[in-house]
Protein backbone atom coordinates (compact mmCIF):
# COMPACT_ATOMS: atom_id res chain seq x y z
CA MET A 1 -0.25 -0.13 -0.09
CA GLN A 2 2.15 3.68 0.25
CA HIS A 3 -0.09 1.83 0.81
CA LYS A 4 2.12 3.96 -0.31
CA GLY A 5 1.72 2.84 0.53
CA THR A 6 2.45 5.63 1.31
CA TYR A 7 1.47 5.93 4.63
CA LEU A 8 2.98 9.20 4.53
CA PHE A 9 1.90 10.39 7.57
CA ILE A 10 -1.46 9.35 6.85
CA SER A 11 -3.59 7.62 9.46
CA ALA A 12 -3.88 4.42 7.95
CA LEU A 13 -6.98 4.85 9.80
CA SER A 14 -10.10 6.46 8.05
CA LEU A 15 -13.15 8.67 8.43
CA LEU A 16 -15.56 11.12 10.41
CA ALA A 17 -18.48 13.37 10.12
CA LEU A 18 -20.91 15.77 11.97
CA ALA A 19 -23.78 13.48 12.73
CA GLY A 20 -24.08 11.77 16.05
CA CYS A 21 -22.58 8.75 17.28
CA GLY A 22 -25.36 6.66 16.83
CA SER A 23 -24.52 4.38 19.74
CA GLN A 24 -28.17 3.96 21.25
CA ALA A 25 -28.76 1.29 23.42
CA SER A 26 -32.23 0.39 21.75
CA GLY A 27 -32.57 -2.80 19.48
CA ASN A 28 -32.49 -3.56 15.84
CA ASN A 29 -35.11 -5.31 14.25
CA GLY A 30 -35.78 -6.58 18.13
CA ASN A 31 -32.16 -7.87 18.46
CA SER A 32 -30.55 -5.82 21.46
CA LYS A 33 -27.53 -6.77 20.33
CA TYR A 34 -27.69 -3.90 17.72
CA ALA A 35 -28.46 -0.25 18.55
CA ALA A 36 -31.32 1.32 16.51
CA LYS A 37 -28.99 3.75 14.88
CA GLN A 38 -26.29 1.87 12.65
CA VAL A 39 -24.19 4.99 11.91
CA VAL A 40 -20.56 5.32 12.55
CA ASN A 41 -18.49 8.60 12.58
CA TRP A 42 -14.51 8.20 12.05
CA SER A 43 -12.04 10.49 11.54
CA GLU A 44 -9.11 11.08 8.85
CA ASN A 45 -6.13 13.11 8.92
CA GLN A 46 -5.40 12.96 4.90
CA GLU A 47 -8.20 13.32 1.93
CA LEU A 48 -9.08 10.75 -0.43
CA ALA A 49 -6.91 11.28 -3.75
CA THR A 50 -8.90 8.68 -6.06
CA SER A 51 -11.63 6.02 -6.34
CA ASP A 52 -9.92 4.48 -9.13
CA LEU A 53 -8.33 1.04 -8.30
CA SER A 54 -5.58 1.24 -11.20
CA LYS A 55 -4.59 4.68 -9.77
CA VAL A 56 -4.58 4.48 -6.03
CA THR A 57 -1.25 4.43 -3.84
CA ASP A 58 -2.38 5.80 -0.61
CA THR A 59 -4.07 3.66 2.82
CA VAL A 60 -6.88 6.21 2.85
CA SER A 61 -8.05 5.24 -0.48
CA PHE A 62 -7.07 1.76 -0.17
CA THR A 63 -9.18 1.72 2.90
CA MET A 64 -11.87 3.19 1.09
CA LEU A 65 -12.06 0.93 -1.93
CA GLN A 66 -11.76 -2.30 0.52
CA ASN A 67 -15.02 -1.13 2.02
CA THR A 68 -16.83 0.09 -1.34
CA GLN A 69 -15.56 -2.84 -3.83
CA GLU A 70 -14.87 -6.62 -3.54
CA GLY A 71 -12.50 -9.27 -5.45
CA LEU A 72 -12.17 -12.56 -5.30
CA TYR A 73 -11.30 -13.10 -1.48
CA ARG A 74 -11.59 -11.03 1.42
CA LEU A 75 -9.34 -11.33 4.56
CA ASP A 76 -11.05 -12.63 7.46
CA LYS A 77 -10.29 -11.54 11.12
CA ASN A 78 -7.06 -14.01 11.14
CA GLY A 79 -5.83 -12.25 7.99
CA LYS A 80 -6.79 -15.23 5.78
CA PRO A 81 -8.46 -15.03 2.39
CA ALA A 82 -11.63 -16.17 2.56
CA ASN A 83 -14.48 -16.48 -0.40
CA ALA A 84 -15.97 -13.33 -1.50
CA ILE A 85 -16.94 -13.23 -4.93
CA ALA A 86 -15.34 -16.18 -5.40
CA THR A 87 -16.98 -19.57 -4.48
CA HIS A 88 -14.37 -22.52 -5.38
CA THR A 89 -10.44 -22.22 -6.27
CA LYS A 90 -8.72 -25.31 -7.97
CA ILE A 91 -4.90 -24.70 -8.21
CA THR A 92 -2.82 -26.92 -10.20
CA ASN A 93 0.51 -27.38 -12.22
CA GLY A 94 2.71 -26.83 -9.02
CA GLY A 95 1.05 -23.58 -8.00
CA LYS A 96 0.69 -21.53 -11.38
CA ASP A 97 -2.54 -22.41 -12.72
CA TYR A 98 -5.92 -21.54 -10.97
CA VAL A 99 -9.53 -22.12 -11.84
CA VAL A 100 -11.82 -19.90 -9.86
CA LYS A 101 -15.82 -20.19 -10.01
CA LEU A 102 -17.50 -17.05 -9.23
CA ARG A 103 -20.89 -16.52 -7.26
CA HIS A 104 -23.85 -15.54 -9.81
CA ASN A 105 -25.44 -13.27 -7.31
CA ALA A 106 -22.65 -10.51 -7.18
CA LYS A 107 -23.80 -7.27 -8.66
CA TRP A 108 -22.88 -3.65 -9.21
CA SER A 109 -24.28 -0.50 -7.67
CA ASN A 110 -25.86 0.43 -10.92
CA GLY A 111 -27.42 -3.02 -11.03
CA ASP A 112 -25.03 -4.91 -13.40
CA PRO A 113 -23.82 -8.26 -12.81
CA VAL A 114 -20.17 -8.63 -11.50
CA THR A 115 -18.58 -11.26 -13.99
CA ALA A 116 -15.65 -13.01 -15.00
CA HIS A 117 -15.23 -10.48 -17.95
CA ASP A 118 -15.16 -7.26 -15.47
CA PHE A 119 -11.68 -9.32 -13.49
CA VAL A 120 -10.35 -9.77 -16.98
CA TYR A 121 -10.91 -5.79 -17.90
CA SER A 122 -9.58 -4.73 -14.46
CA TRP A 123 -6.49 -6.35 -14.46
CA GLN A 124 -5.76 -5.84 -18.37
CA ARG A 125 -6.65 -1.99 -17.65
CA SER A 126 -4.26 -1.77 -14.51
CA LEU A 127 -1.49 -3.36 -16.94
CA ASP A 128 -1.94 -1.43 -19.97
CA PRO A 129 0.97 1.54 -19.83
CA LYS A 130 -1.31 3.93 -21.12
CA THR A 131 -2.97 3.90 -17.59
CA ALA A 132 0.08 4.52 -15.52
CA CYS A 133 -0.90 2.44 -12.78
CA GLN A 134 2.03 2.53 -10.34
CA ASP A 135 1.38 -0.53 -8.64
CA ALA A 136 1.51 -2.72 -11.79
CA TYR A 137 4.29 -4.75 -10.60
CA TYR A 138 2.44 -6.56 -8.10
CA MET A 139 0.77 -8.39 -11.22
CA TYR A 140 3.92 -9.31 -12.55
CA ALA A 141 3.85 -13.26 -11.45
CA VAL A 142 0.54 -13.20 -14.11
CA LYS A 143 1.66 -14.75 -17.64
CA ASN A 144 2.92 -11.91 -19.82
CA ALA A 145 1.90 -9.08 -17.19
CA SER A 146 5.38 -7.53 -17.34
CA ALA A 147 5.61 -7.31 -21.29
CA ILE A 148 2.19 -5.62 -21.04
CA ASN A 149 3.26 -3.29 -18.84
CA HIS A 150 6.17 -2.22 -20.76
CA ASN A 151 4.37 -2.20 -24.19
CA LYS A 152 6.04 -5.21 -25.41
CA LYS A 153 2.52 -7.41 -25.47
CA ALA A 154 -1.09 -6.44 -26.17
CA PRO A 155 -3.20 -6.50 -23.09
CA SER A 156 -5.37 -9.57 -24.48
CA THR A 157 -2.35 -11.74 -23.92
CA LEU A 158 -2.38 -11.55 -20.18
CA GLY A 159 -2.84 -14.85 -18.32
CA ILE A 160 -6.51 -14.47 -17.24
CA LYS A 161 -9.26 -15.58 -18.90
CA ALA A 162 -13.01 -15.52 -18.38
CA ASP A 163 -14.50 -18.88 -19.26
CA GLY A 164 -18.09 -17.73 -19.29
CA ASN A 165 -19.44 -15.37 -17.17
CA TYR A 166 -18.89 -17.11 -13.85
CA GLN A 167 -15.61 -18.91 -14.03
CA LEU A 168 -11.99 -17.39 -14.22
CA GLU A 169 -8.64 -18.87 -15.49
CA ILE A 170 -5.37 -17.48 -14.13
CA HIS A 171 -2.06 -18.67 -15.11
CA LEU A 172 1.40 -17.42 -13.30
CA THR A 173 4.68 -17.45 -14.50
CA HIS A 174 5.94 -19.24 -11.40
CA PRO A 175 4.43 -20.07 -8.32
CA VAL A 176 3.49 -17.45 -5.71
CA SER A 177 3.50 -18.45 -2.23
CA TYR A 178 1.15 -15.27 -1.20
CA PHE A 179 -1.06 -14.93 -4.33
CA ASN A 180 -4.31 -15.71 -2.60
CA LYS A 181 -3.43 -12.60 -0.40
CA LEU A 182 -2.96 -10.44 -3.42
CA LEU A 183 -6.29 -11.37 -4.64
CA ALA A 184 -7.80 -9.97 -1.57
CA TRP A 185 -6.17 -6.56 -2.17
CA PRO A 186 -8.03 -3.78 -4.38
CA LEU A 187 -5.52 -3.74 -6.94
CA PHE A 188 -7.02 -7.38 -8.01
CA TYR A 189 -10.37 -6.40 -7.94
CA PRO A 190 -12.98 -5.94 -10.84
CA LEU A 191 -14.18 -2.91 -12.68
CA ASN A 192 -17.27 -2.11 -14.58
CA GLN A 193 -16.29 -1.57 -17.82
CA LYS A 194 -19.41 0.34 -18.67
CA ALA A 195 -18.91 2.52 -16.03
CA VAL A 196 -15.03 3.42 -16.98
CA ASN A 197 -16.20 4.08 -20.48
CA LYS A 198 -19.27 6.02 -19.53
CA TYR A 199 -16.85 8.54 -17.32
CA GLY A 200 -13.61 8.53 -19.31
CA LYS A 201 -11.01 9.97 -17.54
CA LYS A 202 -13.45 11.60 -14.86
CA PHE A 203 -13.97 7.91 -13.51
CA GLY A 204 -13.06 7.76 -10.03
CA THR A 205 -12.81 11.42 -9.44
CA THR A 206 -15.90 11.59 -7.71
CA SER A 207 -18.47 9.35 -5.73
CA ALA A 208 -20.93 10.17 -8.77
CA THR A 209 -18.56 8.77 -11.41
CA THR A 210 -17.66 5.69 -9.30
CA VAL A 211 -19.72 2.55 -8.84
CA SER A 212 -19.25 -0.26 -6.54
CA ASP A 213 -19.77 -4.15 -5.86
CA GLY A 214 -18.73 -4.27 -2.10
CA PRO A 215 -20.68 -3.66 1.00
CA TYR A 216 -20.94 0.08 0.91
CA LYS A 217 -20.69 2.68 -1.73
CA LEU A 218 -18.88 5.79 -2.05
CA THR A 219 -21.37 8.95 -1.56
CA LYS A 220 -20.91 12.82 -0.89
CA TRP A 221 -17.43 12.99 -2.28
CA ASN A 222 -16.96 15.92 -5.03
CA GLY A 223 -12.97 15.04 -5.32
CA THR A 224 -11.55 17.27 -3.33
CA SER A 225 -14.06 17.57 -0.43
CA LYS A 226 -12.75 16.88 3.02
CA SER A 227 -15.48 14.58 4.18
CA TRP A 228 -17.59 11.91 2.50
CA THR A 229 -19.63 8.83 3.42
CA LEU A 230 -19.73 5.04 2.84
CA ALA A 231 -23.07 4.24 2.67
CA LYS A 232 -24.58 0.50 2.54
CA ASN A 233 -24.93 -0.73 -0.95
CA ASP A 234 -28.20 -2.43 -1.36
CA GLN A 235 -27.12 -4.13 -4.53
CA TYR A 236 -24.26 -6.36 -2.52
CA TRP A 237 -24.74 -10.02 -2.50
CA ASN A 238 -24.37 -10.14 1.25
CA LYS A 239 -26.49 -6.87 2.33
CA ALA A 240 -28.30 -9.00 4.82
CA ASN A 241 -25.20 -9.35 6.74
CA VAL A 242 -24.06 -5.80 6.38
CA HIS A 243 -25.43 -3.78 9.77
CA LEU A 244 -23.83 -0.20 9.32
CA THR A 245 -26.27 2.26 7.29
CA ALA A 246 -23.36 4.72 7.08
CA ILE A 247 -19.67 5.45 7.67
CA ASN A 248 -19.40 9.09 7.71
CA GLU A 249 -15.81 10.15 7.31
CA GLN A 250 -14.23 13.65 8.17
CA VAL A 251 -10.43 15.13 8.01
CA SER A 252 -9.00 16.69 10.42
CA GLU A 253 -5.36 17.75 9.94
CA THR A 254 -4.79 17.66 13.62
CA THR A 255 -5.67 15.21 16.06
CA THR A 256 -6.75 17.94 18.37
CA THR A 257 -9.88 18.70 16.40
CA SER A 258 -10.65 15.16 15.93
CA TYR A 259 -9.88 14.30 19.88
CA ASN A 260 -12.18 17.26 20.68
CA LEU A 261 -14.78 15.84 18.40
CA PHE A 262 -14.75 12.33 19.93
CA ASN A 263 -15.13 13.91 23.51
CA ALA A 264 -17.92 16.31 22.26
CA LYS A 265 -19.39 12.47 21.20
CA LYS A 266 -19.29 13.87 17.61
CA ALA A 267 -17.09 11.36 16.41
CA ASP A 268 -16.78 7.35 17.16
CA GLU A 269 -12.60 7.19 16.62
CA THR A 270 -9.80 9.61 16.66
CA LEU A 271 -6.40 8.96 15.91
CA LEU A 272 -3.70 9.92 19.21
CA SER A 273 -0.64 11.73 18.97
CA GLY A 274 2.10 12.09 21.57
CA GLN A 275 0.67 13.45 25.17
CA GLN A 276 -2.74 12.24 24.05
CA VAL A 277 -1.45 8.73 24.23
CA LYS A 278 -0.17 9.26 27.49
CA ASN A 279 -3.54 10.68 28.99
CA ASN A 280 -5.73 8.11 27.58
CA LEU A 281 -3.74 4.88 28.37
CA ASN A 282 -6.41 3.77 30.80
CA ASN A 283 -9.31 4.96 28.68
CA PRO A 284 -11.62 1.91 27.99
CA ASN A 285 -11.72 3.57 24.42
CA PHE A 286 -8.03 3.10 23.88
CA VAL A 287 -6.76 0.83 21.22
CA LYS A 288 -2.69 0.79 20.48
CA ARG A 289 -2.15 -0.15 16.97
CA LEU A 290 1.38 -0.75 15.31
CA PRO A 291 0.80 -1.48 11.77
CA THR A 292 3.92 -2.46 9.39
CA GLY A 293 3.53 1.41 8.45
CA THR A 294 6.98 2.82 8.04
CA GLN A 295 8.18 6.39 7.66
CA ARG A 296 11.36 7.19 5.82
CA LEU A 297 13.82 10.04 4.35
CA ASP A 298 14.73 9.93 0.95
CA PHE A 299 17.32 11.35 -1.07
CA ASN A 300 16.96 12.50 -4.58
CA GLN A 301 20.49 11.75 -6.08
CA ASN A 302 19.19 13.52 -9.15
CA LYS A 303 18.43 16.96 -7.70
CA ILE A 304 21.44 17.45 -5.32
CA LYS A 305 25.14 16.45 -6.41
CA ALA A 306 26.25 15.37 -2.76
CA PHE A 307 23.79 12.80 -2.54
CA LYS A 308 25.36 10.65 -5.26
CA SER A 309 27.83 10.09 -2.33
CA LEU A 310 27.54 7.21 0.01
CA ALA A 311 29.86 8.60 2.92
CA VAL A 312 26.91 11.82 2.29
CA ARG A 313 23.94 9.44 2.76
CA GLN A 314 25.49 7.46 5.37
CA ALA A 315 26.11 10.89 7.18
CA ILE A 316 22.86 11.97 7.23
CA SER A 317 21.39 8.73 8.78
CA ALA A 318 24.01 8.73 11.41
CA ALA A 319 22.88 12.78 12.13
CA ILE A 320 19.37 11.37 13.22
CA ASP A 321 18.60 10.36 16.71
CA ARG A 322 15.56 7.80 16.15
CA LYS A 323 15.17 7.07 19.72
CA GLN A 324 14.86 10.91 20.12
CA LEU A 325 12.48 11.52 17.53
CA VAL A 326 10.01 8.82 18.76
CA ASN A 327 10.34 9.39 22.48
CA ASP A 328 10.27 12.99 22.71
CA VAL A 329 8.79 13.99 19.47
CA LEU A 330 6.04 11.69 18.41
CA GLN A 331 5.49 10.45 22.01
CA ASP A 332 2.83 7.71 20.90
CA GLY A 333 4.26 4.03 20.67
CA SER A 334 6.12 4.60 17.35
CA VAL A 335 9.20 2.54 17.28
CA ALA A 336 12.74 3.45 15.88
CA SER A 337 13.85 1.58 12.71
CA ASN A 338 16.90 -0.17 12.54
CA GLY A 339 16.20 -0.96 8.62
CA PHE A 340 13.97 -0.36 6.17
CA VAL A 341 11.83 -3.48 6.45
CA PRO A 342 9.90 -3.25 9.70
CA HIS A 343 8.99 -5.48 12.57
CA GLY A 344 6.23 -7.84 12.21
CA ILE A 345 6.51 -8.37 8.47
CA GLY A 346 7.82 -11.83 8.60
CA ASN A 347 10.05 -14.62 10.48
CA ASN A 348 12.65 -17.11 9.11
CA PRO A 349 10.81 -20.03 7.94
CA LYS A 350 13.66 -22.47 9.82
CA THR A 351 14.74 -20.25 12.86
CA GLY A 352 11.61 -18.23 13.29
CA GLU A 353 14.10 -15.39 13.72
CA ALA A 354 12.24 -11.85 12.77
CA PHE A 355 13.47 -10.42 9.48
CA ASP A 356 14.20 -7.19 10.67
CA GLN A 357 16.71 -8.74 13.54
CA GLU A 358 18.18 -10.96 11.00
CA SER A 359 18.91 -8.41 8.16
CA GLN A 360 19.88 -5.52 10.31
CA VAL A 361 23.09 -3.77 9.13
CA PRO A 362 25.00 -2.29 12.16
CA GLY A 363 25.57 1.61 11.82
CA SER A 364 23.17 2.06 8.87
CA ALA A 365 20.28 3.13 11.48
CA THR A 366 22.13 4.40 14.37
CA TYR A 367 22.71 7.88 15.96
CA ASP A 368 26.31 8.73 15.96
CA LEU A 369 26.95 12.60 15.46
CA LYS A 370 30.75 12.39 15.33
CA ARG A 371 30.81 9.69 12.76
CA ALA A 372 28.39 11.95 10.65
CA LYS A 373 30.65 14.81 10.83
CA THR A 374 33.40 12.50 9.56
CA LEU A 375 31.59 10.91 6.74
CA LEU A 376 30.28 13.92 5.71
CA ALA A 377 33.57 15.40 5.20
CA LYS A 378 34.63 12.61 3.48
CA GLY A 379 31.81 12.93 1.06
CA TYR A 380 32.19 16.51 0.31
CA LYS A 381 35.78 16.03 -0.81
CA GLU A 382 34.29 12.78 -3.16
CA THR A 383 31.81 15.18 -4.92
CA GLY A 384 34.15 18.49 -4.82
CA THR A 385 31.36 20.13 -2.66
CA LYS A 386 31.31 22.12 0.42
CA SER A 387 27.71 22.49 1.22
CA ILE A 388 24.23 21.00 1.12
CA ASP A 389 21.44 23.46 1.01
CA ALA A 390 18.29 21.21 0.25
CA THR A 391 14.49 21.51 0.53
CA LEU A 392 12.71 18.65 2.59
CA SER A 393 9.15 18.44 1.16
CA VAL A 394 6.46 16.74 3.73
CA ALA A 395 2.74 16.89 4.32
CA ASP A 396 1.05 19.78 5.58
CA THR A 397 -0.31 18.10 8.97
CA ASP A 398 0.83 18.68 12.38
CA GLN A 399 2.97 15.50 12.91
CA ALA A 400 4.93 15.56 9.62
CA LYS A 401 6.06 19.24 10.32
CA GLN A 402 6.70 18.14 13.94
CA VAL A 403 9.35 15.80 12.43
CA ALA A 404 10.74 17.54 9.73
CA GLU A 405 11.61 20.34 12.25
CA PHE A 406 13.38 17.59 14.42
CA VAL A 407 15.21 16.48 11.20
CA GLN A 408 15.82 19.83 10.01
CA SER A 409 17.59 20.49 13.46
CA SER A 410 19.42 17.36 13.34
CA LEU A 411 20.95 17.44 10.10
CA GLN A 412 21.89 21.36 10.43
CA LYS A 413 24.06 20.20 13.05
CA LEU A 414 26.38 18.96 10.13
CA PRO A 415 29.12 21.78 8.79
CA GLY A 416 27.42 23.18 5.81
CA VAL A 417 24.24 21.96 5.73
CA LYS A 418 20.90 23.97 5.52
CA ILE A 419 17.75 22.56 5.06
CA THR A 420 14.47 24.08 4.23
CA ILE A 421 10.79 22.73 5.11
CA LYS A 422 8.23 22.92 2.40
CA SER A 423 4.89 21.88 3.64
CA VAL A 424 2.32 20.80 0.77
CA PRO A 425 -1.17 19.12 0.48
CA TYR A 426 -0.63 15.45 0.87
CA VAL A 427 -2.09 14.57 -2.79
CA GLN A 428 -0.01 17.34 -4.16
CA LEU A 429 3.02 15.76 -2.39
CA LEU A 430 2.15 12.18 -3.81
CA THR A 431 2.29 13.66 -6.98
CA GLN A 432 5.63 15.24 -6.51
CA GLN A 433 7.20 12.26 -5.09
CA ALA A 434 6.07 10.22 -8.52
CA ASN A 435 7.29 12.58 -10.74
CA GLY A 436 10.74 13.25 -8.67
CA ASN A 437 10.08 16.63 -8.18
CA TYR A 438 11.65 16.84 -4.79
CA GLN A 439 15.14 16.85 -3.09
CA LEU A 440 14.40 15.56 0.40
CA THR A 441 11.30 13.77 1.14
CA PHE A 442 9.64 11.96 3.82
CA SER A 443 7.98 8.95 2.32
CA GLY A 444 5.85 6.09 3.79
CA TRP A 445 5.01 2.69 3.05
CA GLN A 446 2.36 0.40 4.41
CA SER A 447 2.42 -3.64 3.33
CA VAL A 448 -0.19 -5.07 1.64
CA PHE A 449 0.48 -8.59 3.37
CA ALA A 450 3.10 -9.55 5.65
CA ASP A 451 6.23 -10.56 3.35
CA PRO A 452 9.56 -8.61 3.42
CA ILE A 453 9.26 -8.63 -0.59
CA GLU A 454 6.32 -5.88 -0.07
CA PHE A 455 8.67 -3.62 1.18
CA LEU A 456 12.08 -4.48 -0.71
CA ASN A 457 9.72 -4.27 -4.08
CA VAL A 458 9.84 -0.42 -3.47
CA PHE A 459 13.29 -0.33 -4.78
CA ALA A 460 13.03 -3.14 -7.28
CA LYS A 461 14.45 -2.33 -10.85
CA GLY A 462 11.95 -0.11 -12.64
CA SER A 463 9.69 0.32 -9.40
CA SER A 464 7.35 3.44 -9.90
CA PHE A 465 7.97 4.07 -6.14
CA ASN A 466 11.84 4.57 -6.35
CA THR A 467 12.23 7.98 -7.90
CA THR A 468 15.48 8.77 -5.81
CA GLY A 469 18.06 7.72 -8.56
CA TRP A 470 19.57 4.83 -6.40
CA LYS A 471 20.19 1.70 -8.39
CA ASN A 472 21.89 -1.64 -7.33
CA THR A 473 22.35 -4.72 -9.79
CA GLN A 474 23.31 -7.09 -6.86
CA PHE A 475 20.28 -5.70 -5.40
CA TYR A 476 17.92 -6.65 -8.61
CA ASP A 477 19.06 -9.86 -9.22
CA LEU A 478 18.46 -10.94 -5.52
CA LEU A 479 14.82 -9.92 -5.75
CA ASP A 480 14.34 -11.55 -9.30
CA GLN A 481 15.70 -14.87 -7.96
CA ALA A 482 13.75 -14.97 -4.57
CA GLU A 483 10.66 -14.48 -6.63
CA ASN A 484 11.04 -16.06 -10.29
CA GLN A 485 13.19 -19.13 -8.88
CA ASP A 486 12.63 -19.76 -5.31
CA GLY A 487 8.85 -19.55 -4.85
CA ASN A 488 8.49 -23.11 -3.81
CA GLN A 489 11.69 -22.97 -1.52
CA PRO A 490 10.76 -20.88 1.52
CA ALA A 491 14.54 -21.00 2.97
CA LYS A 492 16.30 -19.99 -0.18
CA ARG A 493 13.94 -17.37 -0.90
CA TRP A 494 14.33 -16.11 2.59
CA ASN A 495 18.20 -16.06 2.57
CA LYS A 496 17.85 -14.16 -0.65
CA LEU A 497 15.48 -11.20 0.70
CA VAL A 498 17.97 -10.92 3.94
CA ALA A 499 20.68 -10.28 1.66
CA ALA A 500 18.81 -7.90 -0.52
CA GLU A 501 17.87 -5.98 2.43
CA LYS A 502 21.50 -5.60 3.93
CA ILE A 503 22.82 -4.36 0.35
CA LEU A 504 19.67 -1.38 0.64
CA MET A 505 21.23 -0.34 4.10
CA LYS A 506 24.64 -0.91 3.29
CA THR A 507 24.53 1.24 0.45
CA GLN A 508 22.21 3.70 2.33
CA ALA A 509 19.55 3.94 -0.41
CA THR A 510 17.16 5.71 2.34
CA VAL A 511 17.22 6.69 5.70
CA PRO A 512 14.38 4.84 7.83
CA LEU A 513 13.23 7.07 10.63
CA TYR A 514 10.29 4.95 12.54
CA GLN A 515 7.44 2.71 12.65
CA GLN A 516 4.62 4.62 12.88
CA ALA A 517 2.10 3.78 15.94
CA LYS A 518 -1.56 4.43 14.99
CA SER A 519 -2.98 4.59 18.36
CA GLN A 520 -6.68 5.62 18.50
CA LEU A 521 -9.67 5.93 20.80
CA LEU A 522 -12.50 3.86 19.31
CA ARG A 523 -16.04 3.85 21.00
CA THR A 524 -16.36 0.38 22.70
CA THR A 525 -19.84 0.35 21.46
CA ILE A 526 -18.30 -0.01 17.92
CA LYS A 527 -18.11 -3.62 17.04
CA GLY A 528 -16.90 -6.05 14.52
CA ILE A 529 -14.36 -4.00 12.47
CA ILE A 530 -11.43 -6.13 11.25
CA TYR A 531 -8.17 -4.80 11.69
CA ASN A 532 -4.78 -5.81 9.32
CA PRO A 533 -1.79 -4.20 10.50
CA ALA A 534 0.25 -5.91 7.74
CA GLY A 535 -2.13 -4.69 4.91
CA VAL A 536 -5.22 -2.27 4.31
CA PRO A 537 -5.94 -1.76 7.89
CA PHE A 538 -9.69 -1.39 8.48
CA ASP A 539 -12.54 -3.86 7.10
CA PHE A 540 -16.31 -2.32 8.22
CA THR A 541 -17.81 -5.34 6.27
CA HIS A 542 -19.28 -6.76 9.31
CA ALA A 543 -18.68 -3.86 11.73
CA TYR A 544 -21.99 -2.31 14.00
CA VAL A 545 -22.82 -0.22 16.65
CA ALA A 546 -23.66 -2.19 19.87
CA GLY A 547 -27.12 -1.73 21.79
């Protein structure tokens, strides 16, 4: 996800509005388990970017898609793929061939049936280079996907075929142990071609140009508004088991605003920051979250000559005291990073050792100002420079600004370094990063599933998320071998991913900062939300307000 993934100081959390909390203690259809008013008000600290699944890169939009759309599978409360539109799957040829039967009663919100052709169209569209889907590489295990995305083959050659309206055939180039988890992620969901053709470039830019096949449908979003509603989708095949009638979402750039709304009972949820976490540890509504979402500092080697020097990049990393950052600035339970891949993303299949521990490179994320100054002097000499004057581009949230000021102060302790902070709206920052229009920037990543490849692929060869100018052939080869040769050999694959992480950190491709906590207040009357720390975080399909 940033995902992006970008987590980018986004509350992977989601939504809120000005209606009441809806937690009345009366029954629903005579059942005292449910309140009479099934409405939840949820706070979010970043706006929606798009509702076009081929265009989404951020967690807020992915969360919306997960709740308004549906694919073959949906993750259950244990993070395991469970049938959604799929009713039966047969896997053969060593894990490379899939035959999936689809339910006949799934419908789009416009009344059209959801068919196998909708999946074929969606996948082909995302891989078509004209679509410019940044996440297209997730589909590369599908036969001919990479060639299509690089304009070497026609989309019609993709290894997915509709056998009638209700059966899919999927052919992979190699076995992928986590492929069924990918199929539960919005990029692999279907699209209604009639709607895409009808709205053209405007598809997914407002709620009016969006159609849904999931438990809710997007409403009251004009494309730039800071509020929207997920309303119950009456066309959803399993609507009888969807209890909420609406999830009202409201963007609050500061947790002070959403916190006050929560205390005024105008919101059912709020993200917490700093002192708010400390003040609410004993609050019955307090929920601690530590998702696999990270923040890092990226250098653009194409913009600043000095950043081409390994010594300079190492100096910048060594000048930042991450423990002070999480303990004194964030104060929200976030954890200082010791590498690029965070904690909780996987364990050695033989020894059980956590990936972030096994792959740690001493000194790559350790504070040492004296060493930083020595490295910087070396880097200046290597590049023929005497100073660094760089702009740090960040999102316009309170937390982003606080972290930026800390990093600015830290780096300006180095001789000749001047850092200027530039705050821009979140969606605008995503565009600038995608275009390589920055010198220094905070980038975030939230995994789609719990596997180290989810993070390492950010820097894979040809990745649209790597606009830093960093390249490494050995790193590319290790990822290629891990994915394309060792899919059925977990131990060999694991060792190559560990080696790849070590290369990433030894060459200081980026500066990991912290794994971001997302602690929140969630009203105790809100039940049934499925939380996924290693993917799209919130699924409201079976959520309800208790009576």
